Amino acid sequence: MDRTFPETLSALRRERNISQRQAAQDLCISQALLSHYENGAREPGLAFVCRACDYYGVSADYLLCRSQQPNAPQSTAEAARAFLGEMNSLMDKARMALDEFSNKGAAE
């Protein structure tokens, strides 16, 4: 990747026209610390990275320069949950259709 974490963090703030002071306040850190993160003088901890991802609406992979896409596709777990939800819905419909078919056959 051609960009770095400090560049990405700074660019996200600037793209949204947020002052460094406001972003620092919203992210519950000092402006000086945010400046250090943005210029690469210090590296943040995981808690800050999570807050920054939520604040800017991007994935951790994007913020940490592991992806070019700001919003990563669903995680495997989320995709599996969605698939299982759809399968459960289809199974419920199939059971209702089978019950209906069985009840019609019994009535005849």
PDB file of N, CA and C in Angstrom:
ATOM      1  N   MET A   1       0.843  -1.179   0.000  1.00  0.00           N
ATOM      2  CA  MET A   1       0.000   0.000   0.000  1.00  0.00           C
ATOM      3  C   MET A   1       0.890   1.245   0.000  1.00  0.00           C
ATOM      4  N   ASP A   2       0.384   2.263  -0.622  1.00  0.00           N
ATOM      5  CA  ASP A   2       1.164   3.485  -0.739  1.00  0.00           C
ATOM      6  C   ASP A   2       0.938   4.448   0.418  1.00  0.00           C
ATOM      7  N   ARG A   3      -0.039   4.208   1.225  1.00  0.00           N
ATOM      8  CA  ARG A   3      -0.338   5.129   2.316  1.00  0.00           C
ATOM      9  C   ARG A   3       0.038   4.513   3.653  1.00  0.00           C
ATOM     10  N   THR A   4       0.081   5.381   4.655  1.00  0.00           N
ATOM     11  CA  THR A   4       0.415   4.923   5.994  1.00  0.00           C
ATOM     12  C   THR A   4      -0.741   5.220   6.937  1.00  0.00           C
ATOM     13  N   PHE A   5      -0.695   4.615   8.119  1.00  0.00           N
ATOM     14  CA  PHE A   5      -1.734   4.881   9.115  1.00  0.00           C
ATOM     15  C   PHE A   5      -1.851   6.377   9.419  1.00  0.00           C
ATOM     16  N   PRO A   6      -0.743   7.087   9.721  1.00  0.00           N
ATOM     17  CA  PRO A   6      -0.879   8.513  10.015  1.00  0.00           C
ATOM     18  C   PRO A   6      -1.514   9.298   8.861  1.00  0.00           C
ATOM     19  N   GLU A   7      -1.120   8.977   7.633  1.00  0.00           N
ATOM     20  CA  GLU A   7      -1.697   9.672   6.476  1.00  0.00           C
ATOM     21  C   GLU A   7      -3.185   9.389   6.352  1.00  0.00           C
ATOM     22  N   THR A   8      -3.569   8.160   6.563  1.00  0.00           N
ATOM     23  CA  THR A   8      -4.982   7.775   6.455  1.00  0.00           C
ATOM     24  C   THR A   8      -5.810   8.459   7.528  1.00  0.00           C
ATOM     25  N   LEU A   9      -5.314   8.441   8.757  1.00  0.00           N
ATOM     26  CA  LEU A   9      -6.030   9.070   9.863  1.00  0.00           C
ATOM     27  C   LEU A   9      -6.226  10.562   9.606  1.00  0.00           C
ATOM     28  N   SER A  10      -5.182  11.216   9.180  1.00  0.00           N
ATOM     29  CA  SER A  10      -5.255  12.643   8.889  1.00  0.00           C
ATOM     30  C   SER A  10      -6.182  12.927   7.703  1.00  0.00           C
ATOM     31  N   ALA A  11      -6.085  12.124   6.660  1.00  0.00           N
ATOM     32  CA  ALA A  11      -6.915  12.318   5.460  1.00  0.00           C
ATOM     33  C   ALA A  11      -8.401  12.145   5.785  1.00  0.00           C
ATOM     34  N   LEU A  12      -8.734  11.151   6.596  1.00  0.00           N
ATOM     35  CA  LEU A  12     -10.142  10.945   6.959  1.00  0.00           C
ATOM     36  C   LEU A  12     -10.708  12.176   7.659  1.00  0.00           C
ATOM     37  N   ARG A  13      -9.929  12.739   8.543  1.00  0.00           N
ATOM     38  CA  ARG A  13     -10.387  13.939   9.274  1.00  0.00           C
ATOM     39  C   ARG A  13     -10.561  15.118   8.317  1.00  0.00           C
ATOM     40  N   ARG A  14      -9.576  15.309   7.452  1.00  0.00           N
ATOM     41  CA  ARG A  14      -9.627  16.441   6.523  1.00  0.00           C
ATOM     42  C   ARG A  14     -10.749  16.295   5.498  1.00  0.00           C
ATOM     43  N   GLU A  15     -10.966  15.073   5.000  1.00  0.00           N
ATOM     44  CA  GLU A  15     -12.048  14.836   4.031  1.00  0.00           C
ATOM     45  C   GLU A  15     -13.401  15.220   4.597  1.00  0.00           C
ATOM     46  N   ARG A  16     -13.538  15.107   5.890  1.00  0.00           N
ATOM     47  CA  ARG A  16     -14.813  15.419   6.543  1.00  0.00           C
ATOM     48  C   ARG A  16     -14.854  16.840   7.086  1.00  0.00           C
ATOM     49  N   ASN A  17     -13.812  17.612   6.797  1.00  0.00           N
ATOM     50  CA  ASN A  17     -13.719  19.000   7.253  1.00  0.00           C
ATOM     51  C   ASN A  17     -13.890  19.132   8.759  1.00  0.00           C
ATOM     52  N   ILE A  18     -13.222  18.261   9.491  1.00  0.00           N
ATOM     53  CA  ILE A  18     -13.264  18.281  10.948  1.00  0.00           C
ATOM     54  C   ILE A  18     -11.920  18.809  11.434  1.00  0.00           C
ATOM     55  N   SER A  19     -11.958  19.754  12.340  1.00  0.00           N
ATOM     56  CA  SER A  19     -10.704  20.269  12.880  1.00  0.00           C
ATOM     57  C   SER A  19     -10.046  19.209  13.758  1.00  0.00           C
ATOM     58  N   GLN A  20      -8.751  19.328  13.905  1.00  0.00           N
ATOM     59  CA  GLN A  20      -8.032  18.390  14.759  1.00  0.00           C
ATOM     60  C   GLN A  20      -8.537  18.507  16.202  1.00  0.00           C
ATOM     61  N   ARG A  21      -8.835  19.709  16.626  1.00  0.00           N
ATOM     62  CA  ARG A  21      -9.353  19.930  17.980  1.00  0.00           C
ATOM     63  C   ARG A  21     -10.680  19.207  18.183  1.00  0.00           C
ATOM     64  N   GLN A  22     -11.587  19.335  17.200  1.00  0.00           N
ATOM     65  CA  GLN A  22     -12.905  18.693  17.315  1.00  0.00           C
ATOM     66  C   GLN A  22     -12.783  17.175  17.285  1.00  0.00           C
ATOM     67  N   ALA A  23     -11.978  16.653  16.367  1.00  0.00           N
ATOM     68  CA  ALA A  23     -11.801  15.201  16.275  1.00  0.00           C
ATOM     69  C   ALA A  23     -11.215  14.654  17.572  1.00  0.00           C
ATOM     70  N   ALA A  24     -10.222  15.337  18.118  1.00  0.00           N
ATOM     71  CA  ALA A  24      -9.608  14.887  19.367  1.00  0.00           C
ATOM     72  C   ALA A  24     -10.641  14.856  20.490  1.00  0.00           C
ATOM     73  N   GLN A  25     -11.449  15.889  20.556  1.00  0.00           N
ATOM     74  CA  GLN A  25     -12.495  15.934  21.582  1.00  0.00           C
ATOM     75  C   GLN A  25     -13.485  14.792  21.399  1.00  0.00           C
ATOM     76  N   ASP A  26     -13.925  14.576  20.173  1.00  0.00           N
ATOM     77  CA  ASP A  26     -14.889  13.511  19.883  1.00  0.00           C
ATOM     78  C   ASP A  26     -14.302  12.122  20.147  1.00  0.00           C
ATOM     79  N   LEU A  27     -12.991  11.986  19.956  1.00  0.00           N
ATOM     80  CA  LEU A  27     -12.325  10.696  20.150  1.00  0.00           C
ATOM     81  C   LEU A  27     -11.782  10.518  21.569  1.00  0.00           C
ATOM     82  N   CYS A  28     -12.067  11.496  22.418  1.00  0.00           N
ATOM     83  CA  CYS A  28     -11.695  11.429  23.850  1.00  0.00           C
ATOM     84  C   CYS A  28     -10.184  11.349  24.075  1.00  0.00           C
ATOM     85  N   ILE A  29      -9.443  12.133  23.293  1.00  0.00           N
ATOM     86  CA  ILE A  29      -8.002  12.250  23.500  1.00  0.00           C
ATOM     87  C   ILE A  29      -7.627  13.724  23.373  1.00  0.00           C
ATOM     88  N   SER A  30      -6.409  14.061  23.737  1.00  0.00           N
ATOM     89  CA  SER A  30      -5.962  15.446  23.598  1.00  0.00           C
ATOM     90  C   SER A  30      -5.625  15.740  22.136  1.00  0.00           C
ATOM     91  N   GLN A  31      -5.676  17.023  21.804  1.00  0.00           N
ATOM     92  CA  GLN A  31      -5.311  17.419  20.449  1.00  0.00           C
ATOM     93  C   GLN A  31      -3.844  17.095  20.181  1.00  0.00           C
ATOM     94  N   ALA A  32      -3.003  17.259  21.183  1.00  0.00           N
ATOM     95  CA  ALA A  32      -1.577  16.960  21.019  1.00  0.00           C
ATOM     96  C   ALA A  32      -1.367  15.480  20.682  1.00  0.00           C
ATOM     97  N   LEU A  33      -2.114  14.599  21.361  1.00  0.00           N
ATOM     98  CA  LEU A  33      -1.972  13.169  21.086  1.00  0.00           C
ATOM     99  C   LEU A  33      -2.458  12.837  19.686  1.00  0.00           C
ATOM    100  N   LEU A  34      -3.579  13.420  19.269  1.00  0.00           N
ATOM    101  CA  LEU A  34      -4.062  13.185  17.908  1.00  0.00           C
ATOM    102  C   LEU A  34      -3.027  13.670  16.893  1.00  0.00           C
ATOM    103  N   SER A  35      -2.424  14.806  17.166  1.00  0.00           N
ATOM    104  CA  SER A  35      -1.386  15.320  16.285  1.00  0.00           C
ATOM    105  C   SER A  35      -0.225  14.330  16.185  1.00  0.00           C
ATOM    106  N   HIS A  36       0.165  13.754  17.309  1.00  0.00           N
ATOM    107  CA  HIS A  36       1.236  12.744  17.296  1.00  0.00           C
ATOM    108  C   HIS A  36       0.838  11.528  16.460  1.00  0.00           C
ATOM    109  N   TYR A  37      -0.410  11.096  16.568  1.00  0.00           N
ATOM    110  CA  TYR A  37      -0.879   9.965  15.766  1.00  0.00           C
ATOM    111  C   TYR A  37      -0.861  10.322  14.280  1.00  0.00           C
ATOM    112  N   GLU A  38      -1.307  11.536  13.964  1.00  0.00           N
ATOM    113  CA  GLU A  38      -1.399  11.951  12.567  1.00  0.00           C
ATOM    114  C   GLU A  38      -0.041  12.214  11.925  1.00  0.00           C
ATOM    115  N   ASN A  39       0.965  12.556  12.724  1.00  0.00           N
ATOM    116  CA  ASN A  39       2.279  12.801  12.124  1.00  0.00           C
ATOM    117  C   ASN A  39       3.234  11.626  12.309  1.00  0.00           C
ATOM    118  N   GLY A  40       2.736  10.548  12.933  1.00  0.00           N
ATOM    119  CA  GLY A  40       3.515   9.337  13.063  1.00  0.00           C
ATOM    120  C   GLY A  40       4.499   9.312  14.212  1.00  0.00           C
ATOM    121  N   ALA A  41       4.423  10.294  15.103  1.00  0.00           N
ATOM    122  CA  ALA A  41       5.341  10.339  16.236  1.00  0.00           C
ATOM    123  C   ALA A  41       4.989   9.282  17.287  1.00  0.00           C
ATOM    124  N   ARG A  42       3.711   8.904  17.345  1.00  0.00           N
ATOM    125  CA  ARG A  42       3.265   7.875  18.289  1.00  0.00           C
ATOM    126  C   ARG A  42       2.292   6.954  17.586  1.00  0.00           C
ATOM    127  N   GLU A  43       2.188   5.732  18.106  1.00  0.00           N
ATOM    128  CA  GLU A  43       1.224   4.768  17.583  1.00  0.00           C
ATOM    129  C   GLU A  43       0.132   4.555  18.612  1.00  0.00           C
ATOM    130  N   PRO A  44      -1.119   4.512  18.160  1.00  0.00           N
ATOM    131  CA  PRO A  44      -2.235   4.359  19.097  1.00  0.00           C
ATOM    132  C   PRO A  44      -2.431   2.913  19.531  1.00  0.00           C
ATOM    133  N   GLY A  45      -3.191   2.758  20.591  1.00  0.00           N
ATOM    134  CA  GLY A  45      -3.581   1.433  21.042  1.00  0.00           C
ATOM    135  C   GLY A  45      -4.850   0.983  20.331  1.00  0.00           C
ATOM    136  N   LEU A  46      -5.227  -0.243  20.614  1.00  0.00           N
ATOM    137  CA  LEU A  46      -6.392  -0.844  19.981  1.00  0.00           C
ATOM    138  C   LEU A  46      -7.684  -0.077  20.284  1.00  0.00           C
ATOM    139  N   ALA A  47      -7.835   0.393  21.511  1.00  0.00           N
ATOM    140  CA  ALA A  47      -9.067   1.113  21.883  1.00  0.00           C
ATOM    141  C   ALA A  47      -9.251   2.347  21.015  1.00  0.00           C
ATOM    142  N   PHE A  48      -8.174   3.082  20.772  1.00  0.00           N
ATOM    143  CA  PHE A  48      -8.282   4.258  19.915  1.00  0.00           C
ATOM    144  C   PHE A  48      -8.609   3.873  18.481  1.00  0.00           C
ATOM    145  N   VAL A  49      -7.955   2.841  17.971  1.00  0.00           N
ATOM    146  CA  VAL A  49      -8.210   2.401  16.600  1.00  0.00           C
ATOM    147  C   VAL A  49      -9.693   2.056  16.434  1.00  0.00           C
ATOM    148  N   CYS A  50     -10.255   1.356  17.402  1.00  0.00           N
ATOM    149  CA  CYS A  50     -11.683   1.005  17.344  1.00  0.00           C
ATOM    150  C   CYS A  50     -12.555   2.256  17.357  1.00  0.00           C
ATOM    151  N   ARG A  51     -12.252   3.206  18.232  1.00  0.00           N
ATOM    152  CA  ARG A  51     -13.032   4.458  18.286  1.00  0.00           C
ATOM    153  C   ARG A  51     -12.917   5.222  16.979  1.00  0.00           C
ATOM    154  N   ALA A  52     -11.711   5.286  16.422  1.00  0.00           N
ATOM    155  CA  ALA A  52     -11.509   6.010  15.165  1.00  0.00           C
ATOM    156  C   ALA A  52     -12.272   5.356  14.018  1.00  0.00           C
ATOM    157  N   CYS A  53     -12.285   4.038  13.980  1.00  0.00           N
ATOM    158  CA  CYS A  53     -13.054   3.330  12.938  1.00  0.00           C
ATOM    159  C   CYS A  53     -14.534   3.668  13.044  1.00  0.00           C
ATOM    160  N   ASP A  54     -15.065   3.631  14.252  1.00  0.00           N
ATOM    161  CA  ASP A  54     -16.477   3.978  14.456  1.00  0.00           C
ATOM    162  C   ASP A  54     -16.725   5.440  14.102  1.00  0.00           C
ATOM    163  N   TYR A  55     -15.845   6.309  14.520  1.00  0.00           N
ATOM    164  CA  TYR A  55     -15.995   7.756  14.311  1.00  0.00           C
ATOM    165  C   TYR A  55     -16.006   8.103  12.821  1.00  0.00           C
ATOM    166  N   TYR A  56     -15.081   7.522  12.081  1.00  0.00           N
ATOM    167  CA  TYR A  56     -14.984   7.830  10.657  1.00  0.00           C
ATOM    168  C   TYR A  56     -15.787   6.883   9.772  1.00  0.00           C
ATOM    169  N   GLY A  57     -16.339   5.847  10.355  1.00  0.00           N
ATOM    170  CA  GLY A  57     -17.168   4.914   9.589  1.00  0.00           C
ATOM    171  C   GLY A  57     -16.383   4.080   8.599  1.00  0.00           C
ATOM    172  N   VAL A  58     -15.194   3.657   9.003  1.00  0.00           N
ATOM    173  CA  VAL A  58     -14.363   2.828   8.128  1.00  0.00           C
ATOM    174  C   VAL A  58     -13.976   1.546   8.865  1.00  0.00           C
ATOM    175  N   SER A  59     -13.507   0.574   8.106  1.00  0.00           N
ATOM    176  CA  SER A  59     -13.057  -0.677   8.713  1.00  0.00           C
ATOM    177  C   SER A  59     -11.657  -0.490   9.300  1.00  0.00           C
ATOM    178  N   ALA A  60     -11.308  -1.348  10.237  1.00  0.00           N
ATOM    179  CA  ALA A  60      -9.963  -1.325  10.809  1.00  0.00           C
ATOM    180  C   ALA A  60      -8.934  -1.653   9.732  1.00  0.00           C
ATOM    181  N   ASP A  61      -9.273  -2.554   8.824  1.00  0.00           N
ATOM    182  CA  ASP A  61      -8.347  -2.884   7.743  1.00  0.00           C
ATOM    183  C   ASP A  61      -8.012  -1.655   6.911  1.00  0.00           C
ATOM    184  N   TYR A  62      -8.993  -0.808   6.660  1.00  0.00           N
ATOM    185  CA  TYR A  62      -8.746   0.409   5.893  1.00  0.00           C
ATOM    186  C   TYR A  62      -7.870   1.375   6.690  1.00  0.00           C
ATOM    187  N   LEU A  63      -8.246   1.602   7.935  1.00  0.00           N
ATOM    188  CA  LEU A  63      -7.497   2.544   8.764  1.00  0.00           C
ATOM    189  C   LEU A  63      -6.060   2.091   8.958  1.00  0.00           C
ATOM    190  N   LEU A  64      -5.854   0.783   9.065  1.00  0.00           N
ATOM    191  CA  LEU A  64      -4.514   0.237   9.267  1.00  0.00           C
ATOM    192  C   LEU A  64      -3.794  -0.057   7.950  1.00  0.00           C
ATOM    193  N   CYS A  65      -4.385   0.409   6.844  1.00  0.00           N
ATOM    194  CA  CYS A  65      -3.778   0.305   5.509  1.00  0.00           C
ATOM    195  C   CYS A  65      -3.631  -1.129   5.024  1.00  0.00           C
ATOM    196  N   ARG A  66      -4.553  -1.980   5.436  1.00  0.00           N
ATOM    197  CA  ARG A  66      -4.544  -3.369   4.968  1.00  0.00           C
ATOM    198  C   ARG A  66      -5.546  -3.575   3.837  1.00  0.00           C
ATOM    199  N   SER A  67      -6.329  -2.533   3.550  1.00  0.00           N
ATOM    200  CA  SER A  67      -7.331  -2.611   2.498  1.00  0.00           C
ATOM    201  C   SER A  67      -7.468  -1.245   1.851  1.00  0.00           C
ATOM    202  N   GLN A  68      -7.801  -1.237   0.572  1.00  0.00           N
ATOM    203  CA  GLN A  68      -8.069   0.016  -0.142  1.00  0.00           C
ATOM    204  C   GLN A  68      -9.529   0.434  -0.005  1.00  0.00           C
ATOM    205  N   GLN A  69     -10.366  -0.480   0.496  1.00  0.00           N
ATOM    206  CA  GLN A  69     -11.799  -0.212   0.602  1.00  0.00           C
ATOM    207  C   GLN A  69     -12.139   0.288   2.007  1.00  0.00           C
ATOM    208  N   PRO A  70     -12.685   1.501   2.109  1.00  0.00           N
ATOM    209  CA  PRO A  70     -13.016   2.040   3.432  1.00  0.00           C
ATOM    210  C   PRO A  70     -13.997   1.173   4.215  1.00  0.00           C
ATOM    211  N   ASN A  71     -14.942   0.591   3.522  1.00  0.00           N
ATOM    212  CA  ASN A  71     -15.931  -0.255   4.193  1.00  0.00           C
ATOM    213  C   ASN A  71     -15.789  -1.665   3.670  1.00  0.00           C
ATOM    214  N   ALA A  72     -15.206  -2.500   4.497  1.00  0.00           N
ATOM    215  CA  ALA A  72     -14.960  -3.886   4.103  1.00  0.00           C
ATOM    216  C   ALA A  72     -16.270  -4.640   3.956  1.00  0.00           C
ATOM    217  N   PRO A  73     -16.284  -5.640   3.109  1.00  0.00           N
ATOM    218  CA  PRO A  73     -17.472  -6.481   3.007  1.00  0.00           C
ATOM    219  C   PRO A  73     -17.732  -7.185   4.335  1.00  0.00           C
ATOM    220  N   GLN A  74     -18.882  -7.791   4.422  1.00  0.00           N
ATOM    221  CA  GLN A  74     -19.256  -8.511   5.642  1.00  0.00           C
ATOM    222  C   GLN A  74     -18.173  -9.492   6.054  1.00  0.00           C
ATOM    223  N   SER A  75     -18.031  -9.635   7.342  1.00  0.00           N
ATOM    224  CA  SER A  75     -17.113 -10.651   7.835  1.00  0.00           C
ATOM    225  C   SER A  75     -17.696 -12.020   7.518  1.00  0.00           C
ATOM    226  N   THR A  76     -16.877 -13.019   7.600  1.00  0.00           N
ATOM    227  CA  THR A  76     -17.324 -14.384   7.341  1.00  0.00           C
ATOM    228  C   THR A  76     -18.420 -14.774   8.314  1.00  0.00           C
ATOM    229  N   ALA A  77     -18.266 -14.383   9.571  1.00  0.00           N
ATOM    230  CA  ALA A  77     -19.278 -14.720  10.581  1.00  0.00           C
ATOM    231  C   ALA A  77     -20.606 -14.037  10.263  1.00  0.00           C
ATOM    232  N   GLU A  78     -20.556 -12.757   9.865  1.00  0.00           N
ATOM    233  CA  GLU A  78     -21.792 -12.050   9.521  1.00  0.00           C
ATOM    234  C   GLU A  78     -22.461 -12.682   8.310  1.00  0.00           C
ATOM    235  N   ALA A  79     -21.664 -13.041   7.317  1.00  0.00           N
ATOM    236  CA  ALA A  79     -22.207 -13.678   6.118  1.00  0.00           C
ATOM    237  C   ALA A  79     -22.825 -15.023   6.467  1.00  0.00           C
ATOM    238  N   ALA A  80     -22.188 -15.783   7.348  1.00  0.00           N
ATOM    239  CA  ALA A  80     -22.728 -17.083   7.764  1.00  0.00           C
ATOM    240  C   ALA A  80     -24.040 -16.907   8.513  1.00  0.00           C
ATOM    241  N   ARG A  81     -24.106 -15.898   9.394  1.00  0.00           N
ATOM    242  CA  ARG A  81     -25.357 -15.635  10.135  1.00  0.00           C
ATOM    243  C   ARG A  81     -26.490 -15.279   9.166  1.00  0.00           C
ATOM    244  N   ALA A  82     -26.183 -14.440   8.189  1.00  0.00           N
ATOM    245  CA  ALA A  82     -27.197 -14.049   7.208  1.00  0.00           C
ATOM    246  C   ALA A  82     -27.666 -15.263   6.411  1.00  0.00           C
ATOM    247  N   PHE A  83     -26.734 -16.104   5.994  1.00  0.00           N
ATOM    248  CA  PHE A  83     -27.078 -17.308   5.248  1.00  0.00           C
ATOM    249  C   PHE A  83     -27.950 -18.234   6.087  1.00  0.00           C
ATOM    250  N   LEU A  84     -27.564 -18.451   7.338  1.00  0.00           N
ATOM    251  CA  LEU A  84     -28.353 -19.328   8.210  1.00  0.00           C
ATOM    252  C   LEU A  84     -29.743 -18.757   8.461  1.00  0.00           C
ATOM    253  N   GLY A  85     -29.837 -17.454   8.578  1.00  0.00           N
ATOM    254  CA  GLY A  85     -31.145 -16.824   8.739  1.00  0.00           C
ATOM    255  C   GLY A  85     -32.045 -17.080   7.540  1.00  0.00           C
ATOM    256  N   GLU A  86     -31.471 -16.947   6.346  1.00  0.00           N
ATOM    257  CA  GLU A  86     -32.225 -17.225   5.118  1.00  0.00           C
ATOM    258  C   GLU A  86     -32.625 -18.696   5.051  1.00  0.00           C
ATOM    259  N   MET A  87     -31.722 -19.583   5.416  1.00  0.00           N
ATOM    260  CA  MET A  87     -32.024 -21.020   5.394  1.00  0.00           C
ATOM    261  C   MET A  87     -33.140 -21.353   6.386  1.00  0.00           C
ATOM    262  N   ASN A  88     -33.104 -20.768   7.577  1.00  0.00           N
ATOM    263  CA  ASN A  88     -34.168 -21.000   8.558  1.00  0.00           C
ATOM    264  C   ASN A  88     -35.510 -20.524   8.022  1.00  0.00           C
ATOM    265  N   SER A  89     -35.506 -19.391   7.353  1.00  0.00           N
ATOM    266  CA  SER A  89     -36.739 -18.863   6.772  1.00  0.00           C
ATOM    267  C   SER A  89     -37.277 -19.811   5.696  1.00  0.00           C
ATOM    268  N   LEU A  90     -36.399 -20.307   4.847  1.00  0.00           N
ATOM    269  CA  LEU A  90     -36.818 -21.256   3.814  1.00  0.00           C
ATOM    270  C   LEU A  90     -37.340 -22.557   4.428  1.00  0.00           C
ATOM    271  N   MET A  91     -36.696 -23.023   5.479  1.00  0.00           N
ATOM    272  CA  MET A  91     -37.145 -24.252   6.150  1.00  0.00           C
ATOM    273  C   MET A  91     -38.532 -24.051   6.760  1.00  0.00           C
ATOM    274  N   ASP A  92     -38.769 -22.889   7.361  1.00  0.00           N
ATOM    275  CA  ASP A  92     -40.091 -22.598   7.925  1.00  0.00           C
ATOM    276  C   ASP A  92     -41.164 -22.610   6.839  1.00  0.00           C
ATOM    277  N   LYS A  93     -40.859 -22.004   5.694  1.00  0.00           N
ATOM    278  CA  LYS A  93     -41.808 -21.989   4.578  1.00  0.00           C
ATOM    279  C   LYS A  93     -42.059 -23.403   4.061  1.00  0.00           C
ATOM    280  N   ALA A  94     -41.005 -24.203   3.983  1.00  0.00           N
ATOM    281  CA  ALA A  94     -41.155 -25.581   3.513  1.00  0.00           C
ATOM    282  C   ALA A  94     -42.016 -26.395   4.479  1.00  0.00           C
ATOM    283  N   ARG A  95     -41.809 -26.188   5.795  1.00  0.00           N
ATOM    284  CA  ARG A  95     -42.630 -26.905   6.788  1.00  0.00           C
ATOM    285  C   ARG A  95     -44.099 -26.510   6.671  1.00  0.00           C
ATOM    286  N   MET A  96     -44.348 -25.226   6.482  1.00  0.00           N
ATOM    287  CA  MET A  96     -45.738 -24.761   6.354  1.00  0.00           C
ATOM    288  C   MET A  96     -46.382 -25.353   5.107  1.00  0.00           C
ATOM    289  N   ALA A  97     -45.631 -25.389   4.008  1.00  0.00           N
ATOM    290  CA  ALA A  97     -46.166 -25.962   2.773  1.00  0.00           C
ATOM    291  C   ALA A  97     -46.426 -27.456   2.938  1.00  0.00           C
ATOM    292  N   LEU A  98     -45.532 -28.158   3.607  1.00  0.00           N
ATOM    293  CA  LEU A  98     -45.704 -29.587   3.846  1.00  0.00           C
ATOM    294  C   LEU A  98     -46.916 -29.846   4.737  1.00  0.00           C
ATOM    295  N   ASP A  99     -47.065 -29.031   5.798  1.00  0.00           N
ATOM    296  CA  ASP A  99     -48.228 -29.167   6.682  1.00  0.00           C
ATOM    297  C   ASP A  99     -49.524 -28.925   5.911  1.00  0.00           C
ATOM    298  N   GLU A 100     -49.513 -27.908   5.076  1.00  0.00           N
ATOM    299  CA  GLU A 100     -50.695 -27.582   4.296  1.00  0.00           C
ATOM    300  C   GLU A 100     -51.033 -28.729   3.328  1.00  0.00           C
ATOM    301  N   PHE A 101     -50.026 -29.277   2.668  1.00  0.00           N
ATOM    302  CA  PHE A 101     -50.193 -30.375   1.748  1.00  0.00           C
ATOM    303  C   PHE A 101     -50.697 -31.618   2.505  1.00  0.00           C
ATOM    304  N   SER A 102     -50.108 -31.872   3.675  1.00  0.00           N
ATOM    305  CA  SER A 102     -50.520 -33.030   4.471  1.00  0.00           C
ATOM    306  C   SER A 102     -51.959 -32.891   4.928  1.00  0.00           C
ATOM    307  N   ASN A 103     -52.352 -31.707   5.331  1.00  0.00           N
ATOM    308  CA  ASN A 103     -53.728 -31.475   5.790  1.00  0.00           C
ATOM    309  C   ASN A 103     -54.733 -31.633   4.642  1.00  0.00           C
ATOM    310  N   LYS A 104     -54.375 -31.229   3.432  1.00  0.00           N
ATOM    311  CA  LYS A 104     -55.257 -31.399   2.291  1.00  0.00           C
ATOM    312  C   LYS A 104     -55.427 -32.871   1.968  1.00  0.00           C
ATOM    313  N   GLY A 105     -54.337 -33.623   2.038  1.00  0.00           N
ATOM    314  CA  GLY A 105     -54.403 -35.075   1.751  1.00  0.00           C
ATOM    315  C   GLY A 105     -55.232 -35.815   2.771  1.00  0.00           C
ATOM    316  N   ALA A 106     -55.191 -35.411   4.018  1.00  0.00           N
ATOM    317  CA  ALA A 106     -55.953 -36.067   5.082  1.00  0.00           C
ATOM    318  C   ALA A 106     -57.431 -35.765   4.953  1.00  0.00           C
ATOM    319  N   ALA A 107     -57.768 -34.573   4.433  1.00  0.00           N
ATOM    320  CA  ALA A 107     -59.170 -34.172   4.296  1.00  0.00           C
ATOM    321  C   ALA A 107     -59.851 -34.887   3.132  1.00  0.00           C
ATOM    322  N   GLU A 108     -59.090 -35.384   2.187  1.00  0.00           N
ATOM    323  CA  GLU A 108     -59.692 -36.010   1.001  1.00  0.00           C
ATOM    324  C   GLU A 108     -60.017 -37.440   1.200  1.00  0.00           C
TER     325      GLU A 108
END
